[in-house]
Amino acid sequence: NLKDLLKSTWKLLWVIFAVSVVARLMAALVMGNSVSILPGTYDQVSYHNLALRLLGGYGFTFDRFWWPATAAGEQTAHWSYLYTFYLALVYAIFGPQPILARLIQAVLVGILHPFLVYLIGERLFSKTVGLVSAGIAAVYAYFIYYHATLMTEPFYITAILGSLYFAIRLAKPDPDEPRRFFREPWLWVYLSLCLGAAILLRQLFMLVLPFLLLWIVYARRRNQHPFPWRGLAMVLAIQAAMILPFTFFNLARFDRFVLLNTNAGFAFFWGNHPIHGTNFYAILPPDKPSYQELIPREYRRLDEAALDQQLLAEGLGFVRQDPGRYLLLSLSRVKDYFVFWPTPDSHILSNLSRLGSFTLFLPFMLYGIWLAWAKRPRPLADFLASPQALLLAFVLVYTVIHLLTWTLIRYRLPVDAVLLIFAGLGIVHLAERYLHARETKKSLPSKDRQGFFVS
């Protein structure tokens, strides 16, 4: 009955949570109490040092020249304020102990990430698909690795999953929801907080925000719900309340408008510089100038905010000068974004993580996407209003943003988190087909079994 089913579901979920947390705790313990440079994790060195400087009373500065082009003692807004505050808070309470920040992340994200994957998978397909998807998320090597690093990825991906889940619920809210804190007004609050957290952790998510809100409006219209004026106003108001304090803070420091962070200009300038030609280099080879050397000399005296804005203008100029090269360069980034094979220039840890995550589950992701498309609601207008369409649209929009700007494998991890739900669908469907064939074989008379397999 339903009661027993719910009990068994929660038992399985707690097993998944335990596996997820233990795997991440082990990764955190292996990384230890030092903050060293591991493959794809240099940002954690920056966040650690920035948090220490903040606690030391030096503000958001570094004690020496720092990436991307920040002079010693110069104000920086390149890094997420929210994550820096998280590290600074942990260090303020427990002392500068990076391992404690890792362990706290491991527990929080180790539970929240697979739980949100389960909730989305269960809502889109079934409890079984949700459980399998959550199980994959618990053992996905990339997530285990990055969830133990002192970087924005753990909380950022979790905030994105929360945003997608509450968007799905708001597309077709239940007017008879018995729980007060899961009724529609509260869902808008939860959505707003998840969106704000994602944006504060990585401002790029602001580009996804309009698509997400437009989908909610469209889906509600198809589901015969009124236009959500109050809900949208609440989202915008909460986003403003979360972002504008940092905007005013930046204005006071740089004496110019900086909405949140100073990294878009650097990324677009370096990612589309003519030095790439039509073949993108995620890391410039030794025979090429360094990223800092690409910055024109006349710009190097500018403060970080002015330099970021000037470099953005230069990057847009590269596109206007040769749009054909820009298109080919963007297409070349596909191989860097979706690489699933071991590469000789990658660290052995990176290759093993890749094989134990994206390489292993990519076939099931593709099969699950095909199943979702084959069983899509008809007509097309109804499919576009479905949660499956939202997830696929997110994968497409998020991927295109990075293909047009700058690409690294870890930038694809939010896409992986969503595609795992389709992988769960594919695995469940294949398992059901296998069990059905097995039961059919058992039910056949012994003399017919050979013919069954021959046919």
Protein backbone atom coordinates (compact mmCIF):
# COMPACT_ATOMS: atom_id res chain seq x y z
CA ASN A 1 0.00 0.00 0.00
CA LEU A 2 0.94 3.67 -0.20
CA LYS A 3 2.17 3.83 3.39
CA ASP A 4 4.54 0.89 2.94
CA LEU A 5 5.72 2.29 -0.39
CA LEU A 6 6.58 5.62 1.22
CA LYS A 7 8.47 3.85 4.00
CA SER A 8 10.51 1.78 1.56
CA THR A 9 11.21 4.87 -0.57
CA TRP A 10 12.58 6.79 2.40
CA LYS A 11 14.68 3.81 3.48
CA LEU A 12 16.28 3.68 0.04
CA LEU A 13 16.76 7.46 0.08
CA TRP A 14 18.57 7.33 3.40
CA VAL A 15 20.85 4.60 2.03
CA ILE A 16 21.58 6.83 -0.97
CA PHE A 17 22.23 9.82 1.31
CA ALA A 18 24.60 7.73 3.43
CA VAL A 19 26.57 6.54 0.40
CA SER A 20 26.68 10.09 -0.99
CA VAL A 21 27.86 11.69 2.25
CA VAL A 22 30.44 8.99 3.03
CA ALA A 23 31.93 9.22 -0.48
CA ARG A 24 32.25 13.00 -0.18
CA LEU A 25 33.62 12.83 3.36
CA MET A 26 36.30 10.43 2.16
CA ALA A 27 37.20 12.80 -0.68
CA ALA A 28 37.37 15.69 1.79
CA LEU A 29 39.63 13.71 4.12
CA VAL A 30 41.93 12.78 1.24
CA MET A 31 42.22 16.45 0.22
CA GLY A 32 42.93 17.19 3.85
CA ASN A 33 43.54 20.41 5.71
CA SER A 34 45.83 21.94 3.11
CA VAL A 35 44.71 23.85 0.04
CA SER A 36 46.89 22.62 -2.80
CA ILE A 37 46.54 22.85 -6.56
CA LEU A 38 44.71 19.78 -7.85
CA PRO A 39 43.51 19.27 -11.43
CA GLY A 40 40.73 21.73 -12.25
CA THR A 41 40.61 23.19 -8.74
CA TYR A 42 42.94 26.20 -8.71
CA ASP A 43 40.03 28.42 -7.67
CA GLN A 44 40.03 26.89 -4.20
CA VAL A 45 43.48 28.39 -3.58
CA SER A 46 42.05 31.80 -4.45
CA TYR A 47 38.97 31.45 -2.23
CA HIS A 48 41.04 30.20 0.70
CA ASN A 49 43.49 33.10 0.52
CA LEU A 50 40.73 35.64 -0.06
CA ALA A 51 38.83 34.42 3.02
CA LEU A 52 41.99 34.70 5.13
CA ARG A 53 42.61 38.24 3.87
CA LEU A 54 39.02 39.20 4.63
CA LEU A 55 39.33 37.91 8.20
CA GLY A 56 42.65 39.71 8.56
CA GLY A 57 40.97 43.04 7.92
CA TYR A 58 42.36 43.56 4.41
CA GLY A 59 39.03 43.31 2.64
CA PHE A 60 38.67 41.60 -0.72
CA THR A 61 42.35 41.81 -1.68
CA PHE A 62 45.36 39.55 -2.15
CA ASP A 63 48.83 40.05 -0.71
CA ARG A 64 50.52 39.58 -4.10
CA PHE A 65 49.72 39.69 -7.80
CA TRP A 66 46.84 37.30 -8.38
CA TRP A 67 44.81 35.80 -11.15
CA PRO A 68 43.38 37.15 -13.38
CA ALA A 69 45.28 40.46 -13.27
CA THR A 70 44.87 41.79 -9.72
CA ALA A 71 47.79 43.69 -8.21
CA ALA A 72 48.84 43.16 -4.59
CA GLY A 73 46.50 45.02 -2.24
CA GLU A 74 44.14 45.97 -5.07
CA GLN A 75 40.41 45.49 -4.59
CA THR A 76 38.94 42.50 -6.38
CA ALA A 77 35.38 41.55 -7.27
CA HIS A 78 36.39 38.65 -9.50
CA TRP A 79 35.38 35.98 -6.99
CA SER A 80 31.98 35.05 -5.57
CA TYR A 81 31.21 37.14 -2.51
CA LEU A 82 28.79 34.54 -1.19
CA TYR A 83 31.25 31.66 -1.22
CA THR A 84 34.01 33.83 0.23
CA PHE A 85 31.67 34.71 3.10
CA TYR A 86 30.95 31.00 3.64
CA LEU A 87 34.65 30.20 4.00
CA ALA A 88 35.29 33.26 6.13
CA LEU A 89 32.42 32.27 8.45
CA VAL A 90 33.78 28.74 8.90
CA TYR A 91 37.29 30.09 9.52
CA ALA A 92 35.97 32.71 11.95
CA ILE A 93 34.21 30.05 14.04
CA PHE A 94 36.70 27.17 13.89
CA GLY A 95 39.92 28.88 12.82
CA PRO A 96 41.53 28.55 9.39
CA GLN A 97 40.71 24.87 9.01
CA PRO A 98 39.92 24.12 5.33
CA ILE A 99 39.05 20.51 6.11
CA LEU A 100 36.10 21.62 8.25
CA ALA A 101 34.72 23.68 5.36
CA ARG A 102 35.12 20.60 3.15
CA LEU A 103 33.34 18.34 5.64
CA ILE A 104 30.43 20.75 6.11
CA GLN A 105 30.00 20.92 2.33
CA ALA A 106 30.21 17.15 2.05
CA VAL A 107 27.33 16.63 4.46
CA LEU A 108 25.07 19.43 3.22
CA VAL A 109 25.51 18.85 -0.50
CA GLY A 110 25.82 15.09 -0.08
CA ILE A 111 22.19 15.08 1.09
CA LEU A 112 20.64 17.99 -0.79
CA HIS A 113 22.05 17.17 -4.24
CA PRO A 114 20.71 13.59 -4.56
CA PHE A 115 17.48 14.57 -2.79
CA LEU A 116 16.72 17.29 -5.33
CA VAL A 117 17.62 14.91 -8.17
CA TYR A 118 15.16 12.41 -6.67
CA LEU A 119 12.40 15.01 -6.36
CA ILE A 120 12.80 16.10 -10.00
CA GLY A 121 13.07 12.54 -11.32
CA GLU A 122 10.04 11.42 -9.31
CA ARG A 123 7.97 14.36 -10.49
CA LEU A 124 8.89 13.92 -14.16
CA PHE A 125 8.83 10.14 -14.46
CA SER A 126 8.42 7.89 -11.39
CA LYS A 127 9.72 7.17 -7.90
CA THR A 128 11.92 4.43 -9.33
CA VAL A 129 13.53 6.81 -11.82
CA GLY A 130 14.00 9.37 -9.05
CA LEU A 131 15.72 6.82 -6.81
CA VAL A 132 18.00 5.53 -9.56
CA SER A 133 18.91 9.09 -10.60
CA ALA A 134 19.66 10.02 -7.00
CA GLY A 135 21.80 6.90 -6.68
CA ILE A 136 23.82 7.90 -9.74
CA ALA A 137 24.29 11.41 -8.36
CA ALA A 138 25.58 9.90 -5.10
CA VAL A 139 28.38 7.94 -6.83
CA TYR A 140 29.11 10.23 -9.81
CA ALA A 141 32.88 10.68 -9.63
CA TYR A 142 32.96 14.30 -10.79
CA PHE A 143 30.49 15.33 -8.07
CA ILE A 144 32.36 13.44 -5.35
CA TYR A 145 35.57 15.17 -6.39
CA TYR A 146 34.28 18.73 -6.74
CA HIS A 147 31.95 18.62 -3.74
CA ALA A 148 35.03 18.31 -1.53
CA THR A 149 36.82 21.32 -3.04
CA LEU A 150 36.65 24.86 -1.71
CA MET A 151 34.90 26.16 -4.80
CA THR A 152 31.44 27.37 -5.80
CA GLU A 153 30.48 24.18 -7.66
CA PRO A 154 28.89 22.23 -4.76
CA PHE A 155 26.44 24.94 -3.68
CA TYR A 156 26.02 26.34 -7.20
CA ILE A 157 24.85 23.06 -8.72
CA THR A 158 22.57 22.42 -5.75
CA ALA A 159 21.02 25.89 -6.13
CA ILE A 160 20.41 25.24 -9.84
CA LEU A 161 18.66 21.95 -9.09
CA GLY A 162 16.53 23.72 -6.49
CA SER A 163 15.62 26.44 -9.01
CA LEU A 164 14.56 23.84 -11.59
CA TYR A 165 12.52 21.86 -9.05
CA PHE A 166 10.55 24.84 -7.78
CA ALA A 167 10.06 26.11 -11.34
CA ILE A 168 8.52 22.74 -12.23
CA ARG A 169 6.20 22.90 -9.23
CA LEU A 170 5.14 26.45 -10.03
CA ALA A 171 4.31 25.54 -13.63
CA LYS A 172 1.44 23.46 -12.31
CA PRO A 173 0.85 24.30 -8.64
CA ASP A 174 -1.48 22.18 -6.57
CA PRO A 175 -4.30 24.36 -5.19
CA ASP A 176 -5.15 21.61 -2.69
CA GLU A 177 -1.64 21.31 -1.27
CA PRO A 178 -2.26 20.42 2.40
CA ARG A 179 1.12 21.65 3.66
CA ARG A 180 1.14 25.39 4.21
CA PHE A 181 4.81 25.93 3.43
CA PHE A 182 4.52 24.18 0.06
CA ARG A 183 1.66 26.28 -1.25
CA GLU A 184 2.21 28.62 -4.17
CA PRO A 185 3.33 31.85 -2.42
CA TRP A 186 6.04 29.96 -0.57
CA LEU A 187 7.15 28.20 -3.75
CA TRP A 188 7.90 31.61 -5.28
CA VAL A 189 10.02 32.45 -2.22
CA TYR A 190 11.95 29.19 -2.48
CA LEU A 191 12.49 29.71 -6.21
CA SER A 192 13.72 33.26 -5.62
CA LEU A 193 16.21 32.20 -2.93
CA CYS A 194 17.60 29.38 -5.09
CA LEU A 195 17.94 31.71 -8.07
CA GLY A 196 19.61 34.38 -5.97
CA ALA A 197 22.05 31.89 -4.46
CA ALA A 198 22.97 30.55 -7.91
CA ILE A 199 23.56 34.08 -9.24
CA LEU A 200 25.65 35.12 -6.23
CA LEU A 201 27.77 32.01 -6.63
CA ARG A 202 28.22 32.51 -10.38
CA GLN A 203 26.80 35.59 -12.07
CA LEU A 204 26.59 33.77 -15.41
CA PHE A 205 23.31 32.26 -14.20
CA MET A 206 21.66 35.65 -14.74
CA LEU A 207 21.64 34.73 -18.45
CA VAL A 208 19.55 31.65 -17.65
CA LEU A 209 17.07 33.53 -15.44
CA PRO A 210 14.93 35.05 -18.27
CA PHE A 211 14.52 31.66 -19.97
CA LEU A 212 13.45 30.03 -16.72
CA LEU A 213 10.87 32.69 -15.91
CA LEU A 214 9.51 32.72 -19.47
CA TRP A 215 9.06 28.95 -19.32
CA ILE A 216 7.12 29.22 -16.04
CA VAL A 217 4.80 31.82 -17.58
CA TYR A 218 4.28 29.73 -20.72
CA ALA A 219 3.73 26.48 -18.83
CA ARG A 220 1.23 28.07 -16.45
CA ARG A 221 -0.71 29.44 -19.42
CA ARG A 222 -0.87 25.97 -21.02
CA ASN A 223 -1.99 24.55 -17.65
CA GLN A 224 -4.80 27.11 -17.37
CA HIS A 225 -3.27 29.13 -14.54
CA PRO A 226 -3.40 32.95 -14.43
CA PHE A 227 -0.43 35.12 -15.27
CA PRO A 228 1.78 35.20 -12.13
CA TRP A 229 2.21 38.95 -11.71
CA ARG A 230 2.82 38.75 -7.97
CA GLY A 231 5.14 35.79 -8.24
CA LEU A 232 7.33 37.39 -10.89
CA ALA A 233 7.42 40.65 -8.94
CA MET A 234 8.52 38.69 -5.87
CA VAL A 235 11.30 36.98 -7.82
CA LEU A 236 12.62 40.26 -9.19
CA ALA A 237 12.36 41.99 -5.81
CA ILE A 238 14.26 39.23 -4.01
CA GLN A 239 16.93 39.13 -6.74
CA ALA A 240 17.39 42.89 -6.38
CA ALA A 241 17.59 42.59 -2.59
CA MET A 242 20.29 39.93 -2.88
CA ILE A 243 22.37 41.54 -5.65
CA LEU A 244 22.14 45.32 -5.14
CA PRO A 245 24.06 45.44 -1.82
CA PHE A 246 27.09 44.08 -3.68
CA THR A 247 26.48 46.51 -6.53
CA PHE A 248 26.63 49.47 -4.12
CA PHE A 249 29.65 47.91 -2.44
CA ASN A 250 31.41 47.70 -5.82
CA LEU A 251 30.41 51.26 -6.65
CA ALA A 252 32.03 52.50 -3.45
CA ARG A 253 35.25 50.58 -4.12
CA PHE A 254 35.70 51.07 -7.87
CA ASP A 255 33.79 54.31 -8.40
CA ARG A 256 31.96 52.72 -11.32
CA PHE A 257 28.97 50.44 -11.89
CA VAL A 258 29.74 46.75 -11.40
CA LEU A 259 26.56 44.73 -10.96
CA LEU A 260 28.16 41.79 -9.17
CA ASN A 261 31.52 40.39 -10.29
CA THR A 262 34.38 41.38 -12.58
CA ASN A 263 34.98 38.22 -14.58
CA ALA A 264 32.77 38.34 -17.70
CA GLY A 265 35.13 40.66 -19.57
CA PHE A 266 38.24 38.61 -18.81
CA ALA A 267 36.54 35.36 -19.87
CA PHE A 268 35.10 36.73 -23.11
CA PHE A 269 38.34 38.50 -24.08
CA TRP A 270 40.59 35.52 -23.46
CA GLY A 271 38.10 32.94 -24.74
CA ASN A 272 37.68 34.66 -28.10
CA HIS A 273 41.11 36.20 -28.65
CA PRO A 274 42.52 35.80 -32.19
CA ILE A 275 45.38 33.77 -30.68
CA HIS A 276 43.01 30.78 -30.69
CA GLY A 277 42.38 31.10 -34.40
CA THR A 278 39.46 28.74 -35.01
CA ASN A 279 40.58 26.12 -32.45
CA PHE A 280 39.91 26.87 -28.80
CA TYR A 281 42.64 26.20 -26.21
CA ALA A 282 41.22 25.60 -22.74
CA ILE A 283 44.82 26.09 -21.54
CA LEU A 284 47.21 27.97 -23.81
CA PRO A 285 50.18 25.80 -24.89
CA PRO A 286 53.74 26.75 -23.86
CA ASP A 287 54.54 28.22 -27.26
CA LYS A 288 51.76 30.81 -26.83
CA PRO A 289 51.84 33.97 -24.69
CA SER A 290 50.28 33.75 -21.23
CA TYR A 291 46.78 35.09 -20.65
CA GLN A 292 48.15 38.13 -18.82
CA GLU A 293 50.51 38.91 -21.72
CA LEU A 294 47.52 39.07 -24.07
CA ILE A 295 46.18 42.11 -22.19
CA PRO A 296 47.24 45.28 -24.07
CA ARG A 297 49.88 47.24 -22.16
CA GLU A 298 47.84 50.43 -22.14
CA TYR A 299 45.12 48.64 -20.13
CA ARG A 300 47.32 47.12 -17.44
CA ARG A 301 47.28 50.21 -15.25
CA LEU A 302 43.49 50.13 -14.94
CA ASP A 303 41.83 48.84 -11.81
CA GLU A 304 40.13 45.46 -12.04
CA ALA A 305 36.64 46.78 -12.73
CA ALA A 306 37.76 49.18 -15.48
CA LEU A 307 39.99 46.50 -17.00
CA ASP A 308 37.15 43.94 -17.03
CA GLN A 309 34.84 46.34 -18.86
CA GLN A 310 37.53 47.35 -21.33
CA LEU A 311 38.37 43.72 -22.07
CA LEU A 312 34.70 42.93 -22.65
CA ALA A 313 34.57 45.69 -25.23
CA GLU A 314 37.73 44.31 -26.86
CA GLY A 315 36.26 40.79 -26.90
CA LEU A 316 33.07 42.01 -28.58
CA GLY A 317 35.30 43.79 -31.07
CA PHE A 318 36.92 40.44 -31.97
CA VAL A 319 33.46 39.12 -32.83
CA ARG A 320 32.54 42.13 -34.98
CA GLN A 321 35.86 42.03 -36.82
CA ASP A 322 35.55 38.38 -37.87
CA PRO A 323 32.17 36.77 -37.09
CA GLY A 324 33.04 33.73 -39.20
CA ARG A 325 36.10 32.95 -37.08
CA TYR A 326 34.03 33.48 -33.93
CA LEU A 327 31.45 30.94 -35.14
CA LEU A 328 34.11 28.32 -35.97
CA LEU A 329 35.89 29.00 -32.67
CA SER A 330 32.63 28.51 -30.77
CA LEU A 331 31.99 25.23 -32.58
CA SER A 332 35.50 24.04 -31.72
CA ARG A 333 34.64 24.36 -28.04
CA VAL A 334 32.21 21.45 -28.33
CA LYS A 335 35.04 18.92 -28.00
CA ASP A 336 36.35 20.62 -24.83
CA TYR A 337 32.88 20.84 -23.31
CA PHE A 338 31.73 17.28 -24.01
CA VAL A 339 35.02 15.41 -23.83
CA PHE A 340 34.32 11.91 -22.49
CA TRP A 341 37.52 10.09 -23.45
CA PRO A 342 40.87 10.00 -21.60
CA THR A 343 43.36 12.51 -22.95
CA PRO A 344 47.18 12.34 -22.68
CA ASP A 345 47.46 15.94 -21.48
CA SER A 346 45.03 15.37 -18.57
CA HIS A 347 46.11 14.35 -15.09
CA ILE A 348 45.45 10.69 -14.25
CA LEU A 349 42.99 11.87 -11.57
CA SER A 350 41.06 13.83 -14.20
CA ASN A 351 40.94 10.86 -16.57
CA LEU A 352 39.76 8.49 -13.84
CA SER A 353 37.08 10.95 -12.71
CA ARG A 354 35.92 11.33 -16.30
CA LEU A 355 35.71 7.57 -16.84
CA GLY A 356 33.83 7.12 -13.56
CA SER A 357 31.22 9.72 -14.40
CA PHE A 358 30.46 11.23 -17.81
CA THR A 359 31.99 8.42 -19.88
CA LEU A 360 30.17 5.73 -17.92
CA PHE A 361 26.72 7.33 -17.93
CA LEU A 362 26.68 9.20 -21.26
CA PRO A 363 25.04 6.28 -23.16
CA PHE A 364 22.23 6.15 -20.60
CA MET A 365 21.82 9.94 -20.73
CA LEU A 366 21.38 9.85 -24.51
CA TYR A 367 19.02 6.88 -24.32
CA GLY A 368 16.95 8.61 -21.64
CA ILE A 369 16.69 11.76 -23.74
CA TRP A 370 15.52 9.66 -26.69
CA LEU A 371 12.88 7.99 -24.49
CA ALA A 372 11.65 11.34 -23.16
CA TRP A 373 11.36 12.65 -26.72
CA ALA A 374 9.66 9.49 -28.02
CA LYS A 375 7.08 9.63 -25.23
CA ARG A 376 6.67 13.41 -25.33
CA PRO A 377 3.23 14.99 -24.89
CA ARG A 378 1.44 15.96 -28.08
CA PRO A 379 1.02 18.52 -29.61
CA LEU A 380 4.40 20.28 -29.54
CA ALA A 381 2.95 23.20 -27.57
CA ASP A 382 2.13 20.82 -24.72
CA PHE A 383 5.59 19.29 -24.83
CA LEU A 384 7.20 22.73 -24.57
CA ALA A 385 5.21 23.30 -21.38
CA SER A 386 6.37 19.99 -19.87
CA PRO A 387 9.11 19.66 -17.23
CA GLN A 388 11.08 17.44 -19.64
CA ALA A 389 11.23 20.36 -22.06
CA LEU A 390 12.43 22.67 -19.28
CA LEU A 391 15.34 20.36 -18.43
CA LEU A 392 16.32 19.93 -22.08
CA ALA A 393 16.04 23.68 -22.64
CA PHE A 394 18.30 24.30 -19.65
CA VAL A 395 20.88 21.88 -21.05
CA LEU A 396 20.74 23.63 -24.43
CA VAL A 397 20.81 27.22 -23.13
CA TYR A 398 23.54 26.58 -20.56
CA THR A 399 25.66 24.76 -23.12
CA VAL A 400 25.28 27.47 -25.77
CA ILE A 401 26.30 30.16 -23.25
CA HIS A 402 29.60 28.37 -22.60
CA LEU A 403 30.22 27.50 -26.22
CA LEU A 404 29.93 31.19 -27.09
CA THR A 405 32.20 32.39 -24.29
CA TRP A 406 34.61 30.13 -22.42
CA THR A 407 34.67 26.38 -21.87
CA LEU A 408 36.10 24.06 -19.25
CA ILE A 409 34.92 20.56 -18.34
CA ARG A 410 33.83 21.62 -14.85
CA TYR A 411 31.57 24.28 -16.36
CA ARG A 412 29.52 21.40 -17.75
CA LEU A 413 28.77 19.88 -14.33
CA PRO A 414 25.35 21.59 -13.92
CA VAL A 415 24.39 20.02 -17.25
CA ASP A 416 25.59 16.64 -15.99
CA ALA A 417 23.41 17.04 -12.89
CA VAL A 418 20.34 17.45 -15.09
CA LEU A 419 21.28 14.77 -17.62
CA LEU A 420 21.62 12.23 -14.79
CA ILE A 421 17.82 12.31 -14.46
CA PHE A 422 17.54 11.14 -18.07
CA ALA A 423 20.24 8.55 -17.37
CA GLY A 424 18.04 7.24 -14.55
CA LEU A 425 15.12 6.99 -16.97
CA GLY A 426 17.26 5.07 -19.46
CA ILE A 427 18.58 2.63 -16.87
CA VAL A 428 15.11 1.94 -15.44
CA HIS A 429 13.67 1.36 -18.92
CA LEU A 430 16.45 -1.08 -19.85
CA ALA A 431 16.06 -2.90 -16.53
CA GLU A 432 12.31 -3.21 -17.08
CA ARG A 433 12.86 -4.60 -20.58
CA TYR A 434 15.38 -7.12 -19.25
CA LEU A 435 13.07 -8.27 -16.43
CA HIS A 436 10.13 -8.51 -18.82
CA ALA A 437 12.16 -10.67 -21.22
CA ARG A 438 13.31 -12.84 -18.32
CA GLU A 439 9.77 -13.37 -17.06
CA THR A 440 8.57 -14.10 -20.58
CA LYS A 441 11.29 -16.73 -20.98
CA LYS A 442 10.31 -18.39 -17.69
CA SER A 443 6.66 -18.51 -18.68
CA LEU A 444 7.34 -20.30 -21.99
CA PRO A 445 7.27 -24.12 -22.17
CA SER A 446 10.75 -25.55 -22.23
CA LYS A 447 10.40 -26.73 -25.85
CA ASP A 448 9.62 -23.15 -26.96
CA ARG A 449 12.50 -21.40 -25.21
CA GLN A 450 15.10 -22.12 -27.86
CA GLY A 451 12.82 -20.82 -30.57
CA PHE A 452 12.10 -17.70 -28.53
CA PHE A 453 15.76 -16.77 -28.39
CA VAL A 454 16.46 -17.75 -31.96
CA SER A 455 13.64 -15.51 -33.15
